[in-house]
Amino acid sequence: MPMSAHLSRRERQIMDIVYELSEASAKDIETRLPNPPGYSAIRATMNKLETKGVLAHRERNLKYIYYPLIDHQQASTSALHRLLKTFFEGSASLAMSTLLDISKNDVTLEELDELNILIEKAKKEKE
């Protein structure tokens, strides 16, 4: 089951922060969350994430430091699946077209060449 299938919006926000920092205390989370709930609610949510098997903790200087148990690549893939399903009707081509459209001024020729190579490889795998 993909990670995102069983995480609430707030749990995903917390996981995003933990991934960004590699490890985090509840206080670290509290300072980075938009409209954070109280400290004890954050701790409770992080304990819930531990129960779900996506976070673990170690003790350092009398406080818990949390770290992810799910590989960042796996979490990224899960997030992209959720994004495709939610905003692009499950269509990778629609998502890629949108990405290229909104970033056409920022994408380099080298990046376009890399994308072309990936597209050609995908075509060969379909044949």
N, C-alpha and C. Protein backbone atom coordinates (compact mmCIF):
# COMPACT_ATOMS: atom_id res chain seq x y z
N MET A 1 0.85 -1.19 0.00
CA MET A 1 0.00 0.00 0.00
C MET A 1 0.89 1.24 0.00
N PRO A 2 0.65 2.19 -0.91
CA PRO A 2 1.45 3.40 -0.91
C PRO A 2 1.30 4.16 0.39
N MET A 3 2.38 4.82 0.77
CA MET A 3 2.38 5.56 2.03
C MET A 3 1.23 6.55 2.12
N SER A 4 0.98 7.30 1.05
CA SER A 4 -0.02 8.36 1.12
C SER A 4 -1.43 7.85 1.27
N ALA A 5 -1.66 6.57 0.97
CA ALA A 5 -3.01 6.03 1.03
C ALA A 5 -3.54 6.00 2.46
N HIS A 6 -2.66 6.02 3.42
CA HIS A 6 -3.13 5.93 4.79
C HIS A 6 -2.62 7.06 5.68
N LEU A 7 -2.25 8.18 5.08
CA LEU A 7 -1.82 9.34 5.86
C LEU A 7 -2.77 10.50 5.65
N SER A 8 -3.08 11.18 6.73
CA SER A 8 -3.91 12.38 6.63
C SER A 8 -3.09 13.53 6.05
N ARG A 9 -3.76 14.62 5.73
CA ARG A 9 -3.06 15.79 5.20
C ARG A 9 -2.00 16.28 6.19
N ARG A 10 -2.34 16.36 7.46
CA ARG A 10 -1.39 16.84 8.48
C ARG A 10 -0.22 15.86 8.63
N GLU A 11 -0.52 14.57 8.57
CA GLU A 11 0.56 13.57 8.65
C GLU A 11 1.51 13.69 7.46
N ARG A 12 0.96 13.94 6.28
CA ARG A 12 1.82 14.14 5.10
C ARG A 12 2.66 15.40 5.26
N GLN A 13 2.07 16.46 5.82
CA GLN A 13 2.84 17.69 6.05
C GLN A 13 4.02 17.42 6.99
N ILE A 14 3.76 16.67 8.04
CA ILE A 14 4.83 16.34 8.99
C ILE A 14 5.90 15.50 8.31
N MET A 15 5.48 14.52 7.53
CA MET A 15 6.46 13.67 6.83
C MET A 15 7.30 14.51 5.85
N ASP A 16 6.67 15.45 5.18
CA ASP A 16 7.42 16.33 4.26
C ASP A 16 8.53 17.07 5.01
N ILE A 17 8.21 17.55 6.19
CA ILE A 17 9.21 18.28 6.98
C ILE A 17 10.31 17.35 7.45
N VAL A 18 9.95 16.15 7.89
CA VAL A 18 10.97 15.18 8.33
C VAL A 18 11.89 14.83 7.17
N TYR A 19 11.33 14.61 5.98
CA TYR A 19 12.17 14.32 4.81
C TYR A 19 13.09 15.49 4.50
N GLU A 20 12.55 16.69 4.56
CA GLU A 20 13.35 17.88 4.26
C GLU A 20 14.53 18.02 5.21
N LEU A 21 14.30 17.71 6.50
CA LEU A 21 15.34 17.89 7.51
C LEU A 21 16.16 16.62 7.77
N SER A 22 15.74 15.49 7.24
CA SER A 22 16.33 14.16 7.48
C SER A 22 15.93 13.59 8.84
N GLU A 23 15.82 14.41 9.84
CA GLU A 23 15.32 14.03 11.15
C GLU A 23 14.82 15.30 11.82
N ALA A 24 13.88 15.13 12.75
CA ALA A 24 13.28 16.33 13.36
C ALA A 24 12.67 16.00 14.71
N SER A 25 12.71 16.99 15.58
CA SER A 25 12.00 16.89 16.86
C SER A 25 10.59 17.45 16.65
N ALA A 26 9.73 17.23 17.62
CA ALA A 26 8.38 17.80 17.54
C ALA A 26 8.44 19.33 17.48
N LYS A 27 9.41 19.91 18.17
CA LYS A 27 9.59 21.36 18.14
C LYS A 27 9.97 21.84 16.74
N ASP A 28 10.86 21.08 16.07
CA ASP A 28 11.23 21.41 14.68
C ASP A 28 9.99 21.41 13.79
N ILE A 29 9.15 20.41 13.99
CA ILE A 29 7.92 20.30 13.20
C ILE A 29 7.01 21.49 13.49
N GLU A 30 6.85 21.80 14.77
CA GLU A 30 5.96 22.89 15.18
C GLU A 30 6.36 24.21 14.53
N THR A 31 7.66 24.48 14.42
CA THR A 31 8.10 25.76 13.86
C THR A 31 7.93 25.83 12.35
N ARG A 32 7.77 24.68 11.69
CA ARG A 32 7.68 24.67 10.23
C ARG A 32 6.28 24.39 9.69
N LEU A 33 5.39 23.91 10.53
CA LEU A 33 4.03 23.60 10.07
C LEU A 33 3.22 24.87 9.86
N PRO A 34 2.46 24.93 8.78
CA PRO A 34 1.53 26.05 8.63
C PRO A 34 0.37 25.85 9.62
N ASN A 35 -0.01 26.89 10.32
CA ASN A 35 -1.09 26.82 11.30
C ASN A 35 -0.94 25.61 12.22
N PRO A 36 0.17 25.53 12.96
CA PRO A 36 0.41 24.33 13.75
C PRO A 36 -0.57 24.17 14.90
N PRO A 37 -0.92 22.91 15.16
CA PRO A 37 -1.71 22.66 16.37
C PRO A 37 -0.77 22.77 17.57
N GLY A 38 -1.25 22.47 18.74
CA GLY A 38 -0.39 22.53 19.92
C GLY A 38 0.71 21.47 19.87
N TYR A 39 1.73 21.70 20.69
CA TYR A 39 2.87 20.80 20.75
C TYR A 39 2.44 19.36 21.06
N SER A 40 1.53 19.19 22.00
CA SER A 40 1.11 17.83 22.37
C SER A 40 0.37 17.15 21.22
N ALA A 41 -0.36 17.91 20.42
CA ALA A 41 -1.04 17.33 19.25
C ALA A 41 -0.02 16.89 18.20
N ILE A 42 1.05 17.66 18.06
CA ILE A 42 2.11 17.27 17.13
C ILE A 42 2.76 15.98 17.61
N ARG A 43 3.08 15.91 18.90
CA ARG A 43 3.67 14.69 19.46
C ARG A 43 2.74 13.49 19.25
N ALA A 44 1.46 13.69 19.47
CA ALA A 44 0.49 12.60 19.28
C ALA A 44 0.46 12.14 17.83
N THR A 45 0.52 13.08 16.90
CA THR A 45 0.52 12.74 15.48
C THR A 45 1.80 11.99 15.11
N MET A 46 2.91 12.42 15.67
CA MET A 46 4.18 11.75 15.37
C MET A 46 4.18 10.33 15.96
N ASN A 47 3.57 10.17 17.13
CA ASN A 47 3.43 8.82 17.70
C ASN A 47 2.55 7.95 16.80
N LYS A 48 1.50 8.55 16.25
CA LYS A 48 0.62 7.83 15.33
C LYS A 48 1.40 7.41 14.07
N LEU A 49 2.27 8.29 13.58
CA LEU A 49 3.09 7.97 12.42
C LEU A 49 4.06 6.83 12.74
N GLU A 50 4.52 6.77 13.97
CA GLU A 50 5.36 5.64 14.39
C GLU A 50 4.55 4.35 14.37
N THR A 51 3.33 4.41 14.88
CA THR A 51 2.46 3.24 14.89
C THR A 51 2.18 2.75 13.47
N LYS A 52 2.06 3.68 12.54
CA LYS A 52 1.82 3.34 11.14
C LYS A 52 3.07 2.82 10.44
N GLY A 53 4.22 2.92 11.12
CA GLY A 53 5.45 2.37 10.56
C GLY A 53 6.18 3.26 9.57
N VAL A 54 5.90 4.56 9.59
CA VAL A 54 6.59 5.46 8.66
C VAL A 54 7.63 6.33 9.35
N LEU A 55 7.55 6.42 10.68
CA LEU A 55 8.53 7.17 11.47
C LEU A 55 9.05 6.29 12.60
N ALA A 56 10.25 6.60 13.05
CA ALA A 56 10.82 6.01 14.27
C ALA A 56 11.52 7.15 15.00
N HIS A 57 11.94 6.87 16.22
CA HIS A 57 12.64 7.93 16.96
C HIS A 57 13.80 7.35 17.75
N ARG A 58 14.69 8.25 18.11
CA ARG A 58 15.75 7.95 19.07
C ARG A 58 15.78 9.11 20.05
N GLU A 59 16.33 8.86 21.21
CA GLU A 59 16.38 9.90 22.22
C GLU A 59 17.73 10.60 22.16
N ARG A 60 17.68 11.94 22.17
CA ARG A 60 18.90 12.73 22.20
C ARG A 60 18.67 13.91 23.14
N ASN A 61 19.52 14.03 24.13
CA ASN A 61 19.40 15.14 25.10
C ASN A 61 17.99 15.27 25.66
N LEU A 62 17.43 14.17 26.08
CA LEU A 62 16.10 14.11 26.70
C LEU A 62 14.96 14.50 25.77
N LYS A 63 15.17 14.50 24.46
CA LYS A 63 14.05 14.73 23.55
C LYS A 63 14.09 13.69 22.44
N TYR A 64 12.91 13.44 21.88
CA TYR A 64 12.79 12.47 20.79
C TYR A 64 13.15 13.14 19.47
N ILE A 65 13.98 12.47 18.72
CA ILE A 65 14.33 12.89 17.37
C ILE A 65 13.74 11.84 16.42
N TYR A 66 12.87 12.27 15.53
CA TYR A 66 12.18 11.36 14.62
C TYR A 66 12.88 11.32 13.28
N TYR A 67 12.84 10.15 12.66
CA TYR A 67 13.42 9.97 11.33
C TYR A 67 12.52 9.05 10.52
N PRO A 68 12.53 9.18 9.19
CA PRO A 68 11.62 8.40 8.35
C PRO A 68 12.08 6.94 8.22
N LEU A 69 11.12 6.05 8.14
CA LEU A 69 11.39 4.64 7.88
C LEU A 69 11.09 4.27 6.43
N ILE A 70 10.37 5.13 5.74
CA ILE A 70 10.04 4.90 4.34
C ILE A 70 11.06 5.65 3.49
N ASP A 71 11.64 4.96 2.53
CA ASP A 71 12.62 5.55 1.63
C ASP A 71 12.04 6.78 0.94
N HIS A 72 12.84 7.81 0.83
CA HIS A 72 12.39 9.06 0.21
C HIS A 72 11.89 8.84 -1.22
N GLN A 73 12.57 7.98 -1.97
CA GLN A 73 12.15 7.70 -3.35
C GLN A 73 10.77 7.05 -3.38
N GLN A 74 10.52 6.12 -2.47
CA GLN A 74 9.21 5.47 -2.38
C GLN A 74 8.14 6.49 -2.03
N ALA A 75 8.45 7.38 -1.11
CA ALA A 75 7.50 8.42 -0.71
C ALA A 75 7.24 9.37 -1.88
N SER A 76 8.29 9.71 -2.63
CA SER A 76 8.13 10.60 -3.79
C SER A 76 7.23 9.97 -4.84
N THR A 77 7.46 8.69 -5.11
CA THR A 77 6.64 7.98 -6.09
C THR A 77 5.18 7.96 -5.66
N SER A 78 4.96 7.70 -4.38
CA SER A 78 3.60 7.68 -3.85
C SER A 78 2.94 9.06 -3.99
N ALA A 79 3.69 10.11 -3.70
CA ALA A 79 3.15 11.47 -3.82
C ALA A 79 2.82 11.80 -5.27
N LEU A 80 3.67 11.38 -6.19
CA LEU A 80 3.40 11.63 -7.61
C LEU A 80 2.16 10.89 -8.09
N HIS A 81 1.98 9.65 -7.63
CA HIS A 81 0.77 8.90 -7.98
C HIS A 81 -0.47 9.65 -7.49
N ARG A 82 -0.40 10.16 -6.26
CA ARG A 82 -1.52 10.90 -5.67
C ARG A 82 -1.79 12.17 -6.49
N LEU A 83 -0.73 12.87 -6.87
CA LEU A 83 -0.85 14.09 -7.67
C LEU A 83 -1.47 13.79 -9.03
N LEU A 84 -0.99 12.74 -9.70
CA LEU A 84 -1.56 12.36 -10.99
C LEU A 84 -3.05 12.05 -10.88
N LYS A 85 -3.40 11.27 -9.87
CA LYS A 85 -4.80 10.87 -9.69
C LYS A 85 -5.68 12.07 -9.35
N THR A 86 -5.20 12.93 -8.48
CA THR A 86 -6.00 14.05 -7.99
C THR A 86 -6.18 15.16 -9.01
N PHE A 87 -5.10 15.52 -9.70
CA PHE A 87 -5.15 16.71 -10.55
C PHE A 87 -5.07 16.45 -12.06
N PHE A 88 -4.67 15.25 -12.47
CA PHE A 88 -4.43 15.01 -13.89
C PHE A 88 -5.15 13.77 -14.42
N GLU A 89 -6.23 13.37 -13.74
CA GLU A 89 -7.04 12.23 -14.18
C GLU A 89 -6.19 10.98 -14.41
N GLY A 90 -5.08 10.87 -13.68
CA GLY A 90 -4.19 9.71 -13.81
C GLY A 90 -3.30 9.75 -15.04
N SER A 91 -3.30 10.85 -15.76
CA SER A 91 -2.58 10.95 -17.03
C SER A 91 -1.18 11.56 -16.84
N ALA A 92 -0.17 10.74 -17.06
CA ALA A 92 1.21 11.22 -16.97
C ALA A 92 1.50 12.24 -18.08
N SER A 93 0.95 12.01 -19.26
CA SER A 93 1.21 12.95 -20.37
C SER A 93 0.60 14.32 -20.09
N LEU A 94 -0.59 14.34 -19.50
CA LEU A 94 -1.21 15.62 -19.14
C LEU A 94 -0.36 16.35 -18.09
N ALA A 95 0.14 15.61 -17.11
CA ALA A 95 0.99 16.21 -16.08
C ALA A 95 2.29 16.73 -16.69
N MET A 96 2.92 15.95 -17.55
CA MET A 96 4.18 16.39 -18.16
C MET A 96 3.96 17.60 -19.06
N SER A 97 2.86 17.60 -19.79
CA SER A 97 2.54 18.73 -20.65
C SER A 97 2.36 20.00 -19.81
N THR A 98 1.66 19.87 -18.71
CA THR A 98 1.46 21.01 -17.81
C THR A 98 2.78 21.50 -17.24
N LEU A 99 3.61 20.56 -16.79
CA LEU A 99 4.93 20.93 -16.25
C LEU A 99 5.77 21.66 -17.27
N LEU A 100 5.79 21.15 -18.49
CA LEU A 100 6.57 21.82 -19.54
C LEU A 100 6.00 23.19 -19.85
N ASP A 101 4.68 23.30 -19.84
CA ASP A 101 4.05 24.58 -20.15
C ASP A 101 4.39 25.63 -19.10
N ILE A 102 4.31 25.26 -17.82
CA ILE A 102 4.56 26.25 -16.78
C ILE A 102 6.04 26.52 -16.55
N SER A 103 6.91 25.64 -17.04
CA SER A 103 8.34 25.86 -16.81
C SER A 103 9.12 26.05 -18.11
N LYS A 104 8.42 26.36 -19.20
CA LYS A 104 9.09 26.45 -20.51
C LYS A 104 10.21 27.49 -20.53
N ASN A 105 10.11 28.51 -19.72
CA ASN A 105 11.17 29.52 -19.69
C ASN A 105 12.35 29.10 -18.83
N ASP A 106 12.16 28.09 -17.99
CA ASP A 106 13.21 27.66 -17.08
C ASP A 106 13.91 26.37 -17.49
N VAL A 107 13.25 25.56 -18.30
CA VAL A 107 13.83 24.27 -18.69
C VAL A 107 14.96 24.49 -19.70
N THR A 108 16.07 23.80 -19.48
CA THR A 108 17.23 23.95 -20.36
C THR A 108 17.15 22.98 -21.53
N LEU A 109 17.95 23.23 -22.54
CA LEU A 109 18.02 22.30 -23.68
C LEU A 109 18.52 20.93 -23.23
N GLU A 110 19.45 20.92 -22.28
CA GLU A 110 19.96 19.64 -21.76
C GLU A 110 18.85 18.85 -21.08
N GLU A 111 18.01 19.54 -20.32
CA GLU A 111 16.90 18.85 -19.66
C GLU A 111 15.91 18.32 -20.69
N LEU A 112 15.65 19.09 -21.73
CA LEU A 112 14.76 18.62 -22.79
C LEU A 112 15.35 17.40 -23.49
N ASP A 113 16.65 17.40 -23.71
CA ASP A 113 17.32 16.23 -24.31
C ASP A 113 17.19 15.01 -23.40
N GLU A 114 17.35 15.21 -22.10
CA GLU A 114 17.19 14.11 -21.14
C GLU A 114 15.77 13.56 -21.18
N LEU A 115 14.80 14.45 -21.24
CA LEU A 115 13.40 14.01 -21.33
C LEU A 115 13.14 13.24 -22.62
N ASN A 116 13.72 13.71 -23.70
CA ASN A 116 13.59 13.03 -24.99
C ASN A 116 14.14 11.61 -24.91
N ILE A 117 15.28 11.46 -24.27
CA ILE A 117 15.90 10.14 -24.11
C ILE A 117 14.98 9.22 -23.31
N LEU A 118 14.41 9.75 -22.23
CA LEU A 118 13.49 8.96 -21.40
C LEU A 118 12.24 8.57 -22.18
N ILE A 119 11.74 9.49 -23.00
CA ILE A 119 10.55 9.19 -23.81
C ILE A 119 10.86 8.10 -24.83
N GLU A 120 11.99 8.21 -25.49
CA GLU A 120 12.39 7.19 -26.47
C GLU A 120 12.58 5.82 -25.80
N LYS A 121 13.15 5.82 -24.62
CA LYS A 121 13.34 4.56 -23.88
C LYS A 121 11.98 3.96 -23.53
N ALA A 122 11.05 4.79 -23.08
CA ALA A 122 9.71 4.31 -22.74
C ALA A 122 9.00 3.74 -23.97
N LYS A 123 9.19 4.39 -25.12
CA LYS A 123 8.59 3.89 -26.36
C LYS A 123 9.13 2.51 -26.70
N LYS A 124 10.43 2.32 -26.60
CA LYS A 124 11.06 1.03 -26.91
C LYS A 124 10.56 -0.05 -25.98
N GLU A 125 10.34 0.29 -24.71
CA GLU A 125 9.86 -0.70 -23.75
C GLU A 125 8.41 -1.09 -24.04
N LYS A 126 7.64 -0.22 -24.68
CA LYS A 126 6.24 -0.51 -25.04
C LYS A 126 6.13 -1.40 -26.27
N GLU A 127 7.18 -1.39 -27.10
CA GLU A 127 7.11 -2.16 -28.36
C GLU A 127 7.27 -3.64 -28.13
